[in-house]
Amino acid sequence: MAAQQPKSNPSPKQSMGYPTMEKLLETEDFTQLNQSFKSCYETLERMFKSKAGGGLGKQKQIRQALQAYELTTDLIKYLLEVKKRMVEAAKSSQPSEIKR
């Protein structure tokens, strides 16, 4: 039997598995994401309000998709709040420089 290789910790440049989300949170540039979400959300809302084709099953799926967009937006807001708290904590834990 071959010995298992120990898992190495990712280097700072290595992604933890969500490179797109990490980039969004680092840059805080949500322009493209906001446009995409807005377009899709509005389309789903129109479909839901028109009740066009599909019956109750389709309406349920549309409602679930709308909720998924809302939850994703809430998650991004939460992650930004966590990032802000982490940055503030890092700043307050650094020793202040003595000016001469």
PDB file of N, CA and C in Angstrom:
ATOM      1  N   MET A   1       0.821  -1.190   0.000  1.00  0.00           N
ATOM      2  CA  MET A   1       0.000   0.000   0.000  1.00  0.00           C
ATOM      3  C   MET A   1       0.859   1.245   0.000  1.00  0.00           C
ATOM      4  N   ALA A   2       0.520   2.175  -0.817  1.00  0.00           N
ATOM      5  CA  ALA A   2       1.265   3.431  -0.881  1.00  0.00           C
ATOM      6  C   ALA A   2       0.808   4.341   0.248  1.00  0.00           C
ATOM      7  N   ALA A   3       1.763   5.048   0.812  1.00  0.00           N
ATOM      8  CA  ALA A   3       1.434   5.992   1.888  1.00  0.00           C
ATOM      9  C   ALA A   3       0.703   7.190   1.302  1.00  0.00           C
ATOM     10  N   GLN A   4      -0.256   7.682   2.058  1.00  0.00           N
ATOM     11  CA  GLN A   4      -1.007   8.840   1.587  1.00  0.00           C
ATOM     12  C   GLN A   4      -0.165  10.092   1.743  1.00  0.00           C
ATOM     13  N   GLN A   5      -0.239  10.932   0.742  1.00  0.00           N
ATOM     14  CA  GLN A   5       0.450  12.215   0.788  1.00  0.00           C
ATOM     15  C   GLN A   5      -0.311  13.142   1.726  1.00  0.00           C
ATOM     16  N   PRO A   6       0.375  13.836   2.626  1.00  0.00           N
ATOM     17  CA  PRO A   6      -0.338  14.794   3.473  1.00  0.00           C
ATOM     18  C   PRO A   6      -0.850  15.951   2.632  1.00  0.00           C
ATOM     19  N   LYS A   7      -2.023  16.428   3.003  1.00  0.00           N
ATOM     20  CA  LYS A   7      -2.587  17.559   2.275  1.00  0.00           C
ATOM     21  C   LYS A   7      -1.806  18.803   2.641  1.00  0.00           C
ATOM     22  N   SER A   8      -1.421  19.534   1.612  1.00  0.00           N
ATOM     23  CA  SER A   8      -0.682  20.768   1.879  1.00  0.00           C
ATOM     24  C   SER A   8      -1.655  21.926   1.969  1.00  0.00           C
ATOM     25  N   ASN A   9      -1.314  22.896   2.778  1.00  0.00           N
ATOM     26  CA  ASN A   9      -2.134  24.096   2.880  1.00  0.00           C
ATOM     27  C   ASN A   9      -1.957  24.911   1.615  1.00  0.00           C
ATOM     28  N   PRO A  10      -3.024  25.522   1.131  1.00  0.00           N
ATOM     29  CA  PRO A  10      -2.892  26.327  -0.087  1.00  0.00           C
ATOM     30  C   PRO A  10      -2.036  27.561   0.172  1.00  0.00           C
ATOM     31  N   SER A  11      -1.233  27.895  -0.811  1.00  0.00           N
ATOM     32  CA  SER A  11      -0.424  29.106  -0.692  1.00  0.00           C
ATOM     33  C   SER A  11      -1.349  30.306  -0.841  1.00  0.00           C
ATOM     34  N   PRO A  12      -0.889  31.500  -0.437  1.00  0.00           N
ATOM     35  CA  PRO A  12      -1.757  32.676  -0.538  1.00  0.00           C
ATOM     36  C   PRO A  12      -2.288  32.938  -1.941  1.00  0.00           C
ATOM     37  N   LYS A  13      -1.527  32.556  -2.963  1.00  0.00           N
ATOM     38  CA  LYS A  13      -1.966  32.800  -4.336  1.00  0.00           C
ATOM     39  C   LYS A  13      -2.898  31.702  -4.835  1.00  0.00           C
ATOM     40  N   GLN A  14      -2.979  30.603  -4.110  1.00  0.00           N
ATOM     41  CA  GLN A  14      -3.804  29.488  -4.523  1.00  0.00           C
ATOM     42  C   GLN A  14      -5.231  29.711  -4.030  1.00  0.00           C
ATOM     43  N   SER A  15      -6.186  29.376  -4.852  1.00  0.00           N
ATOM     44  CA  SER A  15      -7.595  29.589  -4.520  1.00  0.00           C
ATOM     45  C   SER A  15      -8.092  28.510  -3.569  1.00  0.00           C
ATOM     46  N   MET A  16      -9.055  28.881  -2.751  1.00  0.00           N
ATOM     47  CA  MET A  16      -9.689  27.924  -1.850  1.00  0.00           C
ATOM     48  C   MET A  16     -10.854  27.215  -2.545  1.00  0.00           C
ATOM     49  N   GLY A  17     -11.086  27.496  -3.811  1.00  0.00           N
ATOM     50  CA  GLY A  17     -12.109  26.786  -4.549  1.00  0.00           C
ATOM     51  C   GLY A  17     -13.179  27.652  -5.181  1.00  0.00           C
ATOM     52  N   TYR A  18     -13.172  28.936  -4.881  1.00  0.00           N
ATOM     53  CA  TYR A  18     -14.174  29.839  -5.440  1.00  0.00           C
ATOM     54  C   TYR A  18     -13.483  31.079  -6.003  1.00  0.00           C
ATOM     55  N   PRO A  19     -12.655  30.918  -7.030  1.00  0.00           N
ATOM     56  CA  PRO A  19     -11.858  32.054  -7.516  1.00  0.00           C
ATOM     57  C   PRO A  19     -12.693  33.235  -7.998  1.00  0.00           C
ATOM     58  N   THR A  20     -13.826  32.981  -8.614  1.00  0.00           N
ATOM     59  CA  THR A  20     -14.659  34.087  -9.094  1.00  0.00           C
ATOM     60  C   THR A  20     -15.212  34.882  -7.921  1.00  0.00           C
ATOM     61  N   MET A  21     -15.717  34.183  -6.923  1.00  0.00           N
ATOM     62  CA  MET A  21     -16.261  34.858  -5.745  1.00  0.00           C
ATOM     63  C   MET A  21     -15.152  35.589  -4.990  1.00  0.00           C
ATOM     64  N   GLU A  22     -13.995  34.958  -4.867  1.00  0.00           N
ATOM     65  CA  GLU A  22     -12.872  35.594  -4.181  1.00  0.00           C
ATOM     66  C   GLU A  22     -12.473  36.890  -4.881  1.00  0.00           C
ATOM     67  N   LYS A  23     -12.431  36.857  -6.215  1.00  0.00           N
ATOM     68  CA  LYS A  23     -12.068  38.053  -6.975  1.00  0.00           C
ATOM     69  C   LYS A  23     -13.101  39.159  -6.765  1.00  0.00           C
ATOM     70  N   LEU A  24     -14.382  38.792  -6.788  1.00  0.00           N
ATOM     71  CA  LEU A  24     -15.442  39.787  -6.565  1.00  0.00           C
ATOM     72  C   LEU A  24     -15.299  40.444  -5.199  1.00  0.00           C
ATOM     73  N   LEU A  25     -15.038  39.646  -4.187  1.00  0.00           N
ATOM     74  CA  LEU A  25     -14.925  40.189  -2.835  1.00  0.00           C
ATOM     75  C   LEU A  25     -13.667  41.032  -2.666  1.00  0.00           C
ATOM     76  N   GLU A  26     -12.585  40.634  -3.329  1.00  0.00           N
ATOM     77  CA  GLU A  26     -11.341  41.403  -3.230  1.00  0.00           C
ATOM     78  C   GLU A  26     -11.457  42.744  -3.942  1.00  0.00           C
ATOM     79  N   THR A  27     -12.014  42.732  -5.146  1.00  0.00           N
ATOM     80  CA  THR A  27     -12.081  43.959  -5.945  1.00  0.00           C
ATOM     81  C   THR A  27     -13.315  44.794  -5.619  1.00  0.00           C
ATOM     82  N   GLU A  28     -14.346  44.149  -5.114  1.00  0.00           N
ATOM     83  CA  GLU A  28     -15.634  44.795  -4.836  1.00  0.00           C
ATOM     84  C   GLU A  28     -16.207  45.472  -6.080  1.00  0.00           C
ATOM     85  N   ASP A  29     -15.906  44.906  -7.247  1.00  0.00           N
ATOM     86  CA  ASP A  29     -16.455  45.406  -8.510  1.00  0.00           C
ATOM     87  C   ASP A  29     -17.594  44.478  -8.925  1.00  0.00           C
ATOM     88  N   PHE A  30     -18.808  44.879  -8.590  1.00  0.00           N
ATOM     89  CA  PHE A  30     -19.971  44.045  -8.836  1.00  0.00           C
ATOM     90  C   PHE A  30     -20.787  44.512 -10.034  1.00  0.00           C
ATOM     91  N   THR A  31     -20.233  45.379 -10.860  1.00  0.00           N
ATOM     92  CA  THR A  31     -20.972  45.956 -11.979  1.00  0.00           C
ATOM     93  C   THR A  31     -21.553  44.882 -12.890  1.00  0.00           C
ATOM     94  N   GLN A  32     -20.712  43.996 -13.370  1.00  0.00           N
ATOM     95  CA  GLN A  32     -21.165  42.962 -14.302  1.00  0.00           C
ATOM     96  C   GLN A  32     -22.144  42.008 -13.614  1.00  0.00           C
ATOM     97  N   LEU A  33     -21.845  41.626 -12.388  1.00  0.00           N
ATOM     98  CA  LEU A  33     -22.726  40.722 -11.653  1.00  0.00           C
ATOM     99  C   LEU A  33     -24.087  41.370 -11.406  1.00  0.00           C
ATOM    100  N   ASN A  34     -24.080  42.638 -11.013  1.00  0.00           N
ATOM    101  CA  ASN A  34     -25.342  43.345 -10.772  1.00  0.00           C
ATOM    102  C   ASN A  34     -26.199  43.407 -12.029  1.00  0.00           C
ATOM    103  N   GLN A  35     -25.568  43.695 -13.162  1.00  0.00           N
ATOM    104  CA  GLN A  35     -26.314  43.761 -14.423  1.00  0.00           C
ATOM    105  C   GLN A  35     -26.922  42.406 -14.765  1.00  0.00           C
ATOM    106  N   SER A  36     -26.138  41.357 -14.595  1.00  0.00           N
ATOM    107  CA  SER A  36     -26.612  40.011 -14.899  1.00  0.00           C
ATOM    108  C   SER A  36     -27.749  39.602 -13.968  1.00  0.00           C
ATOM    109  N   PHE A  37     -27.565  39.834 -12.663  1.00  0.00           N
ATOM    110  CA  PHE A  37     -28.601  39.489 -11.690  1.00  0.00           C
ATOM    111  C   PHE A  37     -29.881  40.264 -11.963  1.00  0.00           C
ATOM    112  N   LYS A  38     -29.735  41.557 -12.232  1.00  0.00           N
ATOM    113  CA  LYS A  38     -30.912  42.399 -12.466  1.00  0.00           C
ATOM    114  C   LYS A  38     -31.696  41.896 -13.673  1.00  0.00           C
ATOM    115  N   SER A  39     -30.988  41.612 -14.754  1.00  0.00           N
ATOM    116  CA  SER A  39     -31.634  41.137 -15.973  1.00  0.00           C
ATOM    117  C   SER A  39     -32.370  39.816 -15.731  1.00  0.00           C
ATOM    118  N   CYS A  40     -31.690  38.872 -15.122  1.00  0.00           N
ATOM    119  CA  CYS A  40     -32.303  37.561 -14.866  1.00  0.00           C
ATOM    120  C   CYS A  40     -33.469  37.668 -13.895  1.00  0.00           C
ATOM    121  N   TYR A  41     -33.293  38.457 -12.836  1.00  0.00           N
ATOM    122  CA  TYR A  41     -34.342  38.608 -11.829  1.00  0.00           C
ATOM    123  C   TYR A  41     -35.595  39.237 -12.439  1.00  0.00           C
ATOM    124  N   GLU A  42     -35.398  40.275 -13.259  1.00  0.00           N
ATOM    125  CA  GLU A  42     -36.539  40.927 -13.907  1.00  0.00           C
ATOM    126  C   GLU A  42     -37.256  39.974 -14.854  1.00  0.00           C
ATOM    127  N   THR A  43     -36.497  39.172 -15.575  1.00  0.00           N
ATOM    128  CA  THR A  43     -37.102  38.185 -16.478  1.00  0.00           C
ATOM    129  C   THR A  43     -37.928  37.175 -15.688  1.00  0.00           C
ATOM    130  N   LEU A  44     -37.365  36.680 -14.592  1.00  0.00           N
ATOM    131  CA  LEU A  44     -38.096  35.723 -13.759  1.00  0.00           C
ATOM    132  C   LEU A  44     -39.354  36.353 -13.153  1.00  0.00           C
ATOM    133  N   GLU A  45     -39.249  37.603 -12.722  1.00  0.00           N
ATOM    134  CA  GLU A  45     -40.425  38.291 -12.169  1.00  0.00           C
ATOM    135  C   GLU A  45     -41.530  38.420 -13.210  1.00  0.00           C
ATOM    136  N   ARG A  46     -41.150  38.787 -14.443  1.00  0.00           N
ATOM    137  CA  ARG A  46     -42.147  38.903 -15.523  1.00  0.00           C
ATOM    138  C   ARG A  46     -42.815  37.549 -15.775  1.00  0.00           C
ATOM    139  N   MET A  47     -42.000  36.498 -15.802  1.00  0.00           N
ATOM    140  CA  MET A  47     -42.546  35.160 -16.024  1.00  0.00           C
ATOM    141  C   MET A  47     -43.507  34.775 -14.898  1.00  0.00           C
ATOM    142  N   PHE A  48     -43.124  35.108 -13.673  1.00  0.00           N
ATOM    143  CA  PHE A  48     -43.957  34.762 -12.518  1.00  0.00           C
ATOM    144  C   PHE A  48     -45.276  35.523 -12.545  1.00  0.00           C
ATOM    145  N   LYS A  49     -45.199  36.812 -12.855  1.00  0.00           N
ATOM    146  CA  LYS A  49     -46.410  37.647 -12.869  1.00  0.00           C
ATOM    147  C   LYS A  49     -47.338  37.292 -14.020  1.00  0.00           C
ATOM    148  N   SER A  50     -46.758  36.922 -15.163  1.00  0.00           N
ATOM    149  CA  SER A  50     -47.588  36.605 -16.329  1.00  0.00           C
ATOM    150  C   SER A  50     -48.227  35.230 -16.210  1.00  0.00           C
ATOM    151  N   LYS A  51     -47.655  34.396 -15.381  1.00  0.00           N
ATOM    152  CA  LYS A  51     -48.142  33.024 -15.189  1.00  0.00           C
ATOM    153  C   LYS A  51     -48.282  32.303 -16.525  1.00  0.00           C
ATOM    154  N   ALA A  52     -47.416  32.689 -17.455  1.00  0.00           N
ATOM    155  CA  ALA A  52     -47.474  32.119 -18.800  1.00  0.00           C
ATOM    156  C   ALA A  52     -46.876  30.719 -18.811  1.00  0.00           C
ATOM    157  N   GLY A  53     -47.659  29.774 -19.250  1.00  0.00           N
ATOM    158  CA  GLY A  53     -47.200  28.422 -19.486  1.00  0.00           C
ATOM    159  C   GLY A  53     -46.531  27.730 -18.314  1.00  0.00           C
ATOM    160  N   GLY A  54     -46.907  26.525 -18.074  1.00  0.00           N
ATOM    161  CA  GLY A  54     -46.212  25.730 -17.087  1.00  0.00           C
ATOM    162  C   GLY A  54     -47.005  25.408 -15.841  1.00  0.00           C
ATOM    163  N   GLY A  55     -48.000  26.179 -15.548  1.00  0.00           N
ATOM    164  CA  GLY A  55     -48.831  25.879 -14.387  1.00  0.00           C
ATOM    165  C   GLY A  55     -48.112  26.057 -13.062  1.00  0.00           C
ATOM    166  N   LEU A  56     -48.633  25.385 -12.046  1.00  0.00           N
ATOM    167  CA  LEU A  56     -48.124  25.553 -10.686  1.00  0.00           C
ATOM    168  C   LEU A  56     -46.686  25.073 -10.522  1.00  0.00           C
ATOM    169  N   GLY A  57     -46.342  24.001 -11.194  1.00  0.00           N
ATOM    170  CA  GLY A  57     -44.974  23.477 -11.098  1.00  0.00           C
ATOM    171  C   GLY A  57     -43.950  24.484 -11.587  1.00  0.00           C
ATOM    172  N   LYS A  58     -44.257  25.109 -12.701  1.00  0.00           N
ATOM    173  CA  LYS A  58     -43.355  26.116 -13.271  1.00  0.00           C
ATOM    174  C   LYS A  58     -43.280  27.340 -12.364  1.00  0.00           C
ATOM    175  N   GLN A  59     -44.413  27.751 -11.815  1.00  0.00           N
ATOM    176  CA  GLN A  59     -44.441  28.902 -10.906  1.00  0.00           C
ATOM    177  C   GLN A  59     -43.590  28.631  -9.666  1.00  0.00           C
ATOM    178  N   LYS A  60     -43.653  27.414  -9.167  1.00  0.00           N
ATOM    179  CA  LYS A  60     -42.854  27.046  -7.992  1.00  0.00           C
ATOM    180  C   LYS A  60     -41.366  27.134  -8.319  1.00  0.00           C
ATOM    181  N   GLN A  61     -40.983  26.651  -9.494  1.00  0.00           N
ATOM    182  CA  GLN A  61     -39.579  26.711  -9.912  1.00  0.00           C
ATOM    183  C   GLN A  61     -39.115  28.155 -10.062  1.00  0.00           C
ATOM    184  N   ILE A  62     -39.967  29.002 -10.610  1.00  0.00           N
ATOM    185  CA  ILE A  62     -39.618  30.416 -10.777  1.00  0.00           C
ATOM    186  C   ILE A  62     -39.445  31.067  -9.410  1.00  0.00           C
ATOM    187  N   ARG A  63     -40.361  30.771  -8.480  1.00  0.00           N
ATOM    188  CA  ARG A  63     -40.255  31.316  -7.119  1.00  0.00           C
ATOM    189  C   ARG A  63     -38.950  30.872  -6.458  1.00  0.00           C
ATOM    190  N   GLN A  64     -38.581  29.611  -6.657  1.00  0.00           N
ATOM    191  CA  GLN A  64     -37.339  29.096  -6.083  1.00  0.00           C
ATOM    192  C   GLN A  64     -36.121  29.785  -6.694  1.00  0.00           C
ATOM    193  N   ALA A  65     -36.173  30.036  -7.995  1.00  0.00           N
ATOM    194  CA  ALA A  65     -35.067  30.732  -8.656  1.00  0.00           C
ATOM    195  C   ALA A  65     -34.945  32.163  -8.138  1.00  0.00           C
ATOM    196  N   LEU A  66     -36.076  32.841  -7.970  1.00  0.00           N
ATOM    197  CA  LEU A  66     -36.056  34.200  -7.417  1.00  0.00           C
ATOM    198  C   LEU A  66     -35.468  34.198  -6.011  1.00  0.00           C
ATOM    199  N   GLN A  67     -35.865  33.220  -5.221  1.00  0.00           N
ATOM    200  CA  GLN A  67     -35.346  33.121  -3.857  1.00  0.00           C
ATOM    201  C   GLN A  67     -33.844  32.842  -3.870  1.00  0.00           C
ATOM    202  N   ALA A  68     -33.389  32.032  -4.812  1.00  0.00           N
ATOM    203  CA  ALA A  68     -31.959  31.734  -4.912  1.00  0.00           C
ATOM    204  C   ALA A  68     -31.162  33.004  -5.208  1.00  0.00           C
ATOM    205  N   TYR A  69     -31.674  33.856  -6.097  1.00  0.00           N
ATOM    206  CA  TYR A  69     -31.000  35.130  -6.376  1.00  0.00           C
ATOM    207  C   TYR A  69     -30.950  35.999  -5.121  1.00  0.00           C
ATOM    208  N   GLU A  70     -32.064  36.047  -4.376  1.00  0.00           N
ATOM    209  CA  GLU A  70     -32.108  36.852  -3.156  1.00  0.00           C
ATOM    210  C   GLU A  70     -31.126  36.325  -2.110  1.00  0.00           C
ATOM    211  N   LEU A  71     -31.073  35.007  -1.952  1.00  0.00           N
ATOM    212  CA  LEU A  71     -30.150  34.410  -0.985  1.00  0.00           C
ATOM    213  C   LEU A  71     -28.693  34.636  -1.388  1.00  0.00           C
ATOM    214  N   THR A  72     -28.419  34.563  -2.676  1.00  0.00           N
ATOM    215  CA  THR A  72     -27.062  34.810  -3.158  1.00  0.00           C
ATOM    216  C   THR A  72     -26.649  36.246  -2.882  1.00  0.00           C
ATOM    217  N   THR A  73     -27.553  37.178  -3.123  1.00  0.00           N
ATOM    218  CA  THR A  73     -27.280  38.590  -2.836  1.00  0.00           C
ATOM    219  C   THR A  73     -27.039  38.793  -1.344  1.00  0.00           C
ATOM    220  N   ASP A  74     -27.861  38.164  -0.507  1.00  0.00           N
ATOM    221  CA  ASP A  74     -27.675  38.259   0.944  1.00  0.00           C
ATOM    222  C   ASP A  74     -26.326  37.684   1.365  1.00  0.00           C
ATOM    223  N   LEU A  75     -25.933  36.573   0.756  1.00  0.00           N
ATOM    224  CA  LEU A  75     -24.649  35.953   1.082  1.00  0.00           C
ATOM    225  C   LEU A  75     -23.489  36.874   0.725  1.00  0.00           C
ATOM    226  N   ILE A  76     -23.547  37.498  -0.438  1.00  0.00           N
ATOM    227  CA  ILE A  76     -22.480  38.412  -0.851  1.00  0.00           C
ATOM    228  C   ILE A  76     -22.393  39.590   0.111  1.00  0.00           C
ATOM    229  N   LYS A  77     -23.543  40.138   0.504  1.00  0.00           N
ATOM    230  CA  LYS A  77     -23.543  41.239   1.475  1.00  0.00           C
ATOM    231  C   LYS A  77     -22.910  40.797   2.790  1.00  0.00           C
ATOM    232  N   TYR A  78     -23.257  39.602   3.238  1.00  0.00           N
ATOM    233  CA  TYR A  78     -22.704  39.076   4.485  1.00  0.00           C
ATOM    234  C   TYR A  78     -21.185  38.900   4.376  1.00  0.00           C
ATOM    235  N   LEU A  79     -20.728  38.338   3.260  1.00  0.00           N
ATOM    236  CA  LEU A  79     -19.290  38.134   3.074  1.00  0.00           C
ATOM    237  C   LEU A  79     -18.541  39.464   3.043  1.00  0.00           C
ATOM    238  N   LEU A  80     -19.141  40.489   2.458  1.00  0.00           N
ATOM    239  CA  LEU A  80     -18.520  41.816   2.462  1.00  0.00           C
ATOM    240  C   LEU A  80     -18.444  42.383   3.878  1.00  0.00           C
ATOM    241  N   GLU A  81     -19.474  42.143   4.682  1.00  0.00           N
ATOM    242  CA  GLU A  81     -19.450  42.593   6.074  1.00  0.00           C
ATOM    243  C   GLU A  81     -18.344  41.881   6.854  1.00  0.00           C
ATOM    244  N   VAL A  82     -18.203  40.577   6.624  1.00  0.00           N
ATOM    245  CA  VAL A  82     -17.150  39.806   7.289  1.00  0.00           C
ATOM    246  C   VAL A  82     -15.781  40.326   6.872  1.00  0.00           C
ATOM    247  N   LYS A  83     -15.619  40.584   5.576  1.00  0.00           N
ATOM    248  CA  LYS A  83     -14.349  41.121   5.076  1.00  0.00           C
ATOM    249  C   LYS A  83     -14.033  42.445   5.761  1.00  0.00           C
ATOM    250  N   LYS A  84     -15.031  43.316   5.862  1.00  0.00           N
ATOM    251  CA  LYS A  84     -14.835  44.619   6.491  1.00  0.00           C
ATOM    252  C   LYS A  84     -14.399  44.458   7.945  1.00  0.00           C
ATOM    253  N   ARG A  85     -15.069  43.555   8.680  1.00  0.00           N
ATOM    254  CA  ARG A  85     -14.696  43.327  10.079  1.00  0.00           C
ATOM    255  C   ARG A  85     -13.284  42.770  10.193  1.00  0.00           C
ATOM    256  N   MET A  86     -12.907  41.880   9.273  1.00  0.00           N
ATOM    257  CA  MET A  86     -11.561  41.303   9.298  1.00  0.00           C
ATOM    258  C   MET A  86     -10.506  42.371   9.034  1.00  0.00           C
ATOM    259  N   VAL A  87     -10.770  43.250   8.074  1.00  0.00           N
ATOM    260  CA  VAL A  87      -9.830  44.327   7.759  1.00  0.00           C
ATOM    261  C   VAL A  87      -9.694  45.260   8.954  1.00  0.00           C
ATOM    262  N   GLU A  88     -10.824  45.608   9.568  1.00  0.00           N
ATOM    263  CA  GLU A  88     -10.787  46.490  10.739  1.00  0.00           C
ATOM    264  C   GLU A  88     -10.041  45.837  11.898  1.00  0.00           C
ATOM    265  N   ALA A  89     -10.255  44.542  12.102  1.00  0.00           N
ATOM    266  CA  ALA A  89      -9.569  43.825  13.173  1.00  0.00           C
ATOM    267  C   ALA A  89      -8.067  43.766  12.914  1.00  0.00           C
ATOM    268  N   ALA A  90      -7.696  43.568  11.653  1.00  0.00           N
ATOM    269  CA  ALA A  90      -6.274  43.518  11.310  1.00  0.00           C
ATOM    270  C   ALA A  90      -5.617  44.873  11.537  1.00  0.00           C
ATOM    271  N   LYS A  91      -6.333  45.941  11.199  1.00  0.00           N
ATOM    272  CA  LYS A  91      -5.789  47.285  11.402  1.00  0.00           C
ATOM    273  C   LYS A  91      -5.617  47.589  12.881  1.00  0.00           C
ATOM    274  N   SER A  92      -6.591  47.207  13.686  1.00  0.00           N
ATOM    275  CA  SER A  92      -6.521  47.528  15.113  1.00  0.00           C
ATOM    276  C   SER A  92      -5.508  46.665  15.849  1.00  0.00           C
ATOM    277  N   SER A  93      -5.164  45.501  15.299  1.00  0.00           N
ATOM    278  CA  SER A  93      -4.192  44.634  15.967  1.00  0.00           C
ATOM    279  C   SER A  93      -2.753  44.972  15.597  1.00  0.00           C
ATOM    280  N   GLN A  94      -2.561  45.777  14.548  1.00  0.00           N
ATOM    281  CA  GLN A  94      -1.211  46.174  14.159  1.00  0.00           C
ATOM    282  C   GLN A  94      -0.722  47.263  15.103  1.00  0.00           C
ATOM    283  N   PRO A  95       0.532  47.148  15.552  1.00  0.00           N
ATOM    284  CA  PRO A  95       1.064  48.206  16.420  1.00  0.00           C
ATOM    285  C   PRO A  95       1.197  49.507  15.642  1.00  0.00           C
ATOM    286  N   SER A  96       0.834  50.587  16.279  1.00  0.00           N
ATOM    287  CA  SER A  96       0.942  51.879  15.599  1.00  0.00           C
ATOM    288  C   SER A  96       2.401  52.300  15.550  1.00  0.00           C
ATOM    289  N   GLU A  97       2.747  52.988  14.483  1.00  0.00           N
ATOM    290  CA  GLU A  97       4.124  53.448  14.314  1.00  0.00           C
ATOM    291  C   GLU A  97       4.354  54.690  15.160  1.00  0.00           C
ATOM    292  N   ILE A  98       5.528  54.765  15.729  1.00  0.00           N
ATOM    293  CA  ILE A  98       5.895  55.933  16.527  1.00  0.00           C
ATOM    294  C   ILE A  98       6.548  56.945  15.606  1.00  0.00           C
ATOM    295  N   LYS A  99       5.970  58.153  15.584  1.00  0.00           N
ATOM    296  CA  LYS A  99       6.525  59.207  14.737  1.00  0.00           C
ATOM    297  C   LYS A  99       7.606  59.936  15.500  1.00  0.00           C
ATOM    298  N   ARG A 100       8.679  60.242  14.825  1.00  0.00           N
ATOM    299  CA  ARG A 100       9.794  60.966  15.449  1.00  0.00           C
ATOM    300  C   ARG A 100       9.900  62.337  14.892  1.00  0.00           C
TER     301      ARG A 100
END
